[in-house]
Amino acid sequence: MSGPEVLIPITFFVSAAAAIIFRGPIGKAIAEAIRRASPWADGPPQPDLDVERMSGELEELRHRLAELEERQDFAERLLAQPRSRTRAIIDAP
């Protein structure tokens, strides 16, 4: 009598006992210990509230990007011109 006919009832009773134990005060104590050990014990982290600072930085980066685009356009136009005209622009007073 050591086959599956014995293992099935044992598994059922062990599972039922574990469910009863973990739903009681022992289970609640274990759950509370897990909650306290969590990095979010005080709730989820708050988003950065310094939105104005980040908005200012974003505007500054947009301005710098626009300046870089202008410089690149100028360089592309300069490189697209014929060599003789470019030399005349550079030599002009």
N, C-alpha and C. Protein backbone atom coordinates (compact mmCIF):
# COMPACT_ATOMS: atom_id res chain seq x y z
N MET A 1 0.82 -1.18 0.00
CA MET A 1 0.00 0.00 0.00
C MET A 1 0.87 1.26 0.00
N SER A 2 1.78 1.33 -0.91
CA SER A 2 2.65 2.49 -0.98
C SER A 2 2.60 3.13 -2.36
N GLY A 3 1.60 2.84 -3.12
CA GLY A 3 1.49 3.35 -4.48
C GLY A 3 0.76 4.69 -4.52
N PRO A 4 0.26 5.02 -5.69
CA PRO A 4 -0.42 6.30 -5.87
C PRO A 4 -1.70 6.42 -5.05
N GLU A 5 -2.30 5.27 -4.69
CA GLU A 5 -3.54 5.35 -3.89
C GLU A 5 -3.29 5.90 -2.50
N VAL A 6 -2.06 5.90 -2.03
CA VAL A 6 -1.72 6.49 -0.73
C VAL A 6 -1.26 7.93 -0.91
N LEU A 7 -0.54 8.20 -1.98
CA LEU A 7 0.01 9.54 -2.19
C LEU A 7 -1.07 10.58 -2.48
N ILE A 8 -2.12 10.19 -3.14
CA ILE A 8 -3.17 11.15 -3.48
C ILE A 8 -3.85 11.69 -2.22
N PRO A 9 -4.32 10.86 -1.28
CA PRO A 9 -4.93 11.43 -0.06
C PRO A 9 -3.93 12.22 0.79
N ILE A 10 -2.68 11.75 0.86
CA ILE A 10 -1.68 12.49 1.65
C ILE A 10 -1.47 13.88 1.05
N THR A 11 -1.35 13.94 -0.28
CA THR A 11 -1.17 15.24 -0.95
C THR A 11 -2.37 16.14 -0.69
N PHE A 12 -3.56 15.59 -0.74
CA PHE A 12 -4.77 16.37 -0.50
C PHE A 12 -4.78 16.93 0.92
N PHE A 13 -4.50 16.11 1.91
CA PHE A 13 -4.55 16.56 3.30
C PHE A 13 -3.43 17.55 3.61
N VAL A 14 -2.25 17.34 3.06
CA VAL A 14 -1.15 18.29 3.27
C VAL A 14 -1.48 19.63 2.63
N SER A 15 -2.06 19.61 1.44
CA SER A 15 -2.44 20.86 0.77
C SER A 15 -3.52 21.59 1.56
N ALA A 16 -4.52 20.86 2.06
CA ALA A 16 -5.58 21.49 2.84
C ALA A 16 -5.02 22.08 4.13
N ALA A 17 -4.13 21.37 4.80
CA ALA A 17 -3.53 21.88 6.04
C ALA A 17 -2.70 23.13 5.76
N ALA A 18 -1.94 23.13 4.67
CA ALA A 18 -1.12 24.30 4.32
C ALA A 18 -2.02 25.49 4.02
N ALA A 19 -3.12 25.28 3.32
CA ALA A 19 -4.04 26.38 3.02
C ALA A 19 -4.64 26.95 4.29
N ILE A 20 -5.02 26.11 5.23
CA ILE A 20 -5.60 26.59 6.49
C ILE A 20 -4.56 27.36 7.30
N ILE A 21 -3.34 26.84 7.36
CA ILE A 21 -2.28 27.51 8.13
C ILE A 21 -1.94 28.86 7.52
N PHE A 22 -1.77 28.90 6.20
CA PHE A 22 -1.35 30.15 5.56
C PHE A 22 -2.46 31.20 5.49
N ARG A 23 -3.70 30.79 5.68
CA ARG A 23 -4.78 31.78 5.73
C ARG A 23 -4.98 32.34 7.13
N GLY A 24 -4.35 31.74 8.09
CA GLY A 24 -4.48 32.17 9.49
C GLY A 24 -3.43 33.19 9.86
N PRO A 25 -3.19 33.34 11.17
CA PRO A 25 -2.24 34.35 11.65
C PRO A 25 -0.81 34.10 11.20
N ILE A 26 -0.44 32.85 11.02
CA ILE A 26 0.92 32.56 10.55
C ILE A 26 1.10 33.08 9.12
N GLY A 27 0.14 32.83 8.29
CA GLY A 27 0.20 33.31 6.91
C GLY A 27 0.21 34.83 6.84
N LYS A 28 -0.59 35.47 7.70
CA LYS A 28 -0.62 36.94 7.72
C LYS A 28 0.71 37.50 8.19
N ALA A 29 1.35 36.84 9.16
CA ALA A 29 2.66 37.29 9.64
C ALA A 29 3.72 37.13 8.54
N ILE A 30 3.66 36.05 7.80
CA ILE A 30 4.61 35.85 6.70
C ILE A 30 4.39 36.91 5.63
N ALA A 31 3.13 37.18 5.30
CA ALA A 31 2.83 38.20 4.28
C ALA A 31 3.31 39.58 4.73
N GLU A 32 3.13 39.90 6.00
CA GLU A 32 3.59 41.20 6.51
C GLU A 32 5.11 41.31 6.47
N ALA A 33 5.81 40.23 6.78
CA ALA A 33 7.27 40.24 6.71
C ALA A 33 7.74 40.45 5.27
N ILE A 34 7.06 39.84 4.33
CA ILE A 34 7.42 40.03 2.92
C ILE A 34 7.16 41.47 2.51
N ARG A 35 6.03 42.04 2.95
CA ARG A 35 5.71 43.44 2.63
C ARG A 35 6.76 44.39 3.19
N ARG A 36 7.20 44.17 4.43
CA ARG A 36 8.20 45.06 5.05
C ARG A 36 9.55 44.96 4.36
N ALA A 37 9.88 43.79 3.83
CA ALA A 37 11.16 43.61 3.15
C ALA A 37 11.15 44.18 1.74
N SER A 38 9.99 44.54 1.25
CA SER A 38 9.87 45.07 -0.10
C SER A 38 10.48 46.46 -0.20
N PRO A 39 11.13 46.79 -1.33
CA PRO A 39 11.66 48.15 -1.49
C PRO A 39 10.54 49.18 -1.59
N TRP A 40 9.33 48.74 -1.84
CA TRP A 40 8.19 49.66 -1.93
C TRP A 40 7.35 49.58 -0.65
N ALA A 41 7.96 49.40 0.47
CA ALA A 41 7.23 49.24 1.73
C ALA A 41 6.36 50.45 2.03
N ASP A 42 6.80 51.63 1.64
CA ASP A 42 6.02 52.85 1.89
C ASP A 42 5.16 53.22 0.69
N GLY A 43 4.96 52.34 -0.22
CA GLY A 43 4.19 52.61 -1.42
C GLY A 43 5.11 52.73 -2.61
N PRO A 44 4.54 52.83 -3.80
CA PRO A 44 5.38 52.95 -4.99
C PRO A 44 6.14 54.26 -4.99
N PRO A 45 7.29 54.31 -5.65
CA PRO A 45 8.07 55.55 -5.66
C PRO A 45 7.30 56.67 -6.35
N GLN A 46 7.47 57.88 -5.83
CA GLN A 46 6.80 59.05 -6.40
C GLN A 46 7.58 59.55 -7.62
N PRO A 47 6.88 59.99 -8.65
CA PRO A 47 7.58 60.52 -9.81
C PRO A 47 8.28 61.83 -9.45
N ASP A 48 9.28 62.16 -10.24
CA ASP A 48 10.03 63.40 -10.01
C ASP A 48 9.08 64.58 -10.17
N LEU A 49 8.94 65.37 -9.13
CA LEU A 49 8.00 66.49 -9.15
C LEU A 49 8.62 67.76 -9.70
N ASP A 50 9.86 67.70 -10.11
CA ASP A 50 10.55 68.89 -10.62
C ASP A 50 10.33 69.00 -12.13
N VAL A 51 9.08 69.11 -12.52
CA VAL A 51 8.72 69.13 -13.93
C VAL A 51 9.21 70.41 -14.60
N GLU A 52 9.18 71.53 -13.89
CA GLU A 52 9.61 72.80 -14.49
C GLU A 52 11.09 72.75 -14.85
N ARG A 53 11.91 72.17 -13.99
CA ARG A 53 13.34 72.07 -14.27
C ARG A 53 13.56 71.22 -15.51
N MET A 54 12.86 70.10 -15.58
CA MET A 54 13.02 69.22 -16.73
C MET A 54 12.50 69.89 -18.00
N SER A 55 11.43 70.67 -17.88
CA SER A 55 10.89 71.39 -19.03
C SER A 55 11.90 72.42 -19.54
N GLY A 56 12.56 73.12 -18.62
CA GLY A 56 13.58 74.09 -19.00
C GLY A 56 14.75 73.43 -19.70
N GLU A 57 15.18 72.29 -19.19
CA GLU A 57 16.28 71.56 -19.83
C GLU A 57 15.88 71.10 -21.22
N LEU A 58 14.63 70.68 -21.38
CA LEU A 58 14.15 70.24 -22.68
C LEU A 58 14.16 71.40 -23.67
N GLU A 59 13.72 72.57 -23.25
CA GLU A 59 13.73 73.74 -24.12
C GLU A 59 15.16 74.11 -24.52
N GLU A 60 16.09 74.04 -23.57
CA GLU A 60 17.49 74.34 -23.88
C GLU A 60 18.04 73.36 -24.90
N LEU A 61 17.72 72.09 -24.75
CA LEU A 61 18.19 71.08 -25.70
C LEU A 61 17.58 71.29 -27.08
N ARG A 62 16.31 71.70 -27.12
CA ARG A 62 15.68 71.98 -28.41
C ARG A 62 16.37 73.16 -29.09
N HIS A 63 16.70 74.19 -28.31
CA HIS A 63 17.38 75.36 -28.87
C HIS A 63 18.75 74.96 -29.42
N ARG A 64 19.49 74.16 -28.66
CA ARG A 64 20.81 73.72 -29.11
C ARG A 64 20.71 72.86 -30.37
N LEU A 65 19.67 72.03 -30.44
CA LEU A 65 19.47 71.19 -31.62
C LEU A 65 19.16 72.05 -32.83
N ALA A 66 18.34 73.09 -32.65
CA ALA A 66 18.03 73.99 -33.76
C ALA A 66 19.29 74.69 -34.26
N GLU A 67 20.16 75.12 -33.34
CA GLU A 67 21.42 75.75 -33.75
C GLU A 67 22.29 74.77 -34.53
N LEU A 68 22.36 73.54 -34.06
CA LEU A 68 23.16 72.54 -34.78
C LEU A 68 22.59 72.27 -36.17
N GLU A 69 21.27 72.25 -36.30
CA GLU A 69 20.65 72.06 -37.61
C GLU A 69 21.02 73.20 -38.55
N GLU A 70 21.00 74.43 -38.04
CA GLU A 70 21.37 75.58 -38.86
C GLU A 70 22.83 75.48 -39.31
N ARG A 71 23.70 75.09 -38.40
CA ARG A 71 25.12 74.96 -38.76
C ARG A 71 25.32 73.86 -39.80
N GLN A 72 24.61 72.77 -39.64
CA GLN A 72 24.73 71.68 -40.60
C GLN A 72 24.21 72.12 -41.97
N ASP A 73 23.08 72.82 -42.00
CA ASP A 73 22.55 73.31 -43.27
C ASP A 73 23.55 74.24 -43.95
N PHE A 74 24.17 75.14 -43.17
CA PHE A 74 25.16 76.05 -43.73
C PHE A 74 26.34 75.28 -44.31
N ALA A 75 26.83 74.30 -43.58
CA ALA A 75 27.97 73.51 -44.06
C ALA A 75 27.60 72.72 -45.31
N GLU A 76 26.39 72.19 -45.36
CA GLU A 76 25.96 71.46 -46.55
C GLU A 76 25.86 72.38 -47.76
N ARG A 77 25.30 73.58 -47.55
CA ARG A 77 25.22 74.54 -48.66
C ARG A 77 26.61 74.94 -49.13
N LEU A 78 27.52 75.16 -48.21
CA LEU A 78 28.88 75.54 -48.55
C LEU A 78 29.58 74.43 -49.34
N LEU A 79 29.36 73.19 -48.92
CA LEU A 79 29.99 72.07 -49.62
C LEU A 79 29.35 71.81 -50.98
N ALA A 80 28.09 72.19 -51.15
CA ALA A 80 27.40 71.95 -52.41
C ALA A 80 27.79 72.96 -53.48
N GLN A 81 28.35 74.09 -53.11
CA GLN A 81 28.74 75.12 -54.09
C GLN A 81 29.98 74.66 -54.86
N PRO A 82 30.12 75.19 -56.08
CA PRO A 82 31.34 74.87 -56.84
C PRO A 82 32.58 75.40 -56.11
N ARG A 83 33.69 74.77 -56.37
CA ARG A 83 34.94 75.10 -55.67
C ARG A 83 35.36 76.56 -55.90
N SER A 84 35.24 77.07 -57.11
CA SER A 84 35.69 78.44 -57.40
C SER A 84 34.85 79.47 -56.64
N ARG A 85 33.56 79.26 -56.54
CA ARG A 85 32.70 80.20 -55.82
C ARG A 85 33.01 80.16 -54.32
N THR A 86 33.28 78.97 -53.81
CA THR A 86 33.64 78.84 -52.40
C THR A 86 34.92 79.60 -52.10
N ARG A 87 35.91 79.51 -52.98
CA ARG A 87 37.17 80.22 -52.78
C ARG A 87 36.93 81.73 -52.83
N ALA A 88 36.03 82.20 -53.67
CA ALA A 88 35.73 83.63 -53.75
C ALA A 88 35.08 84.12 -52.46
N ILE A 89 34.22 83.30 -51.87
CA ILE A 89 33.55 83.69 -50.62
C ILE A 89 34.57 83.76 -49.50
N ILE A 90 35.49 82.83 -49.46
CA ILE A 90 36.49 82.80 -48.39
C ILE A 90 37.47 83.97 -48.55
N ASP A 91 37.88 84.29 -49.78
CA ASP A 91 38.84 85.36 -50.02
C ASP A 91 38.23 86.76 -49.94
N ALA A 92 36.93 86.88 -49.99
CA ALA A 92 36.29 88.20 -49.97
C ALA A 92 36.53 88.88 -48.63
N PRO A 93 36.73 90.24 -48.67
CA PRO A 93 37.00 90.98 -47.41
C PRO A 93 35.79 91.13 -46.55
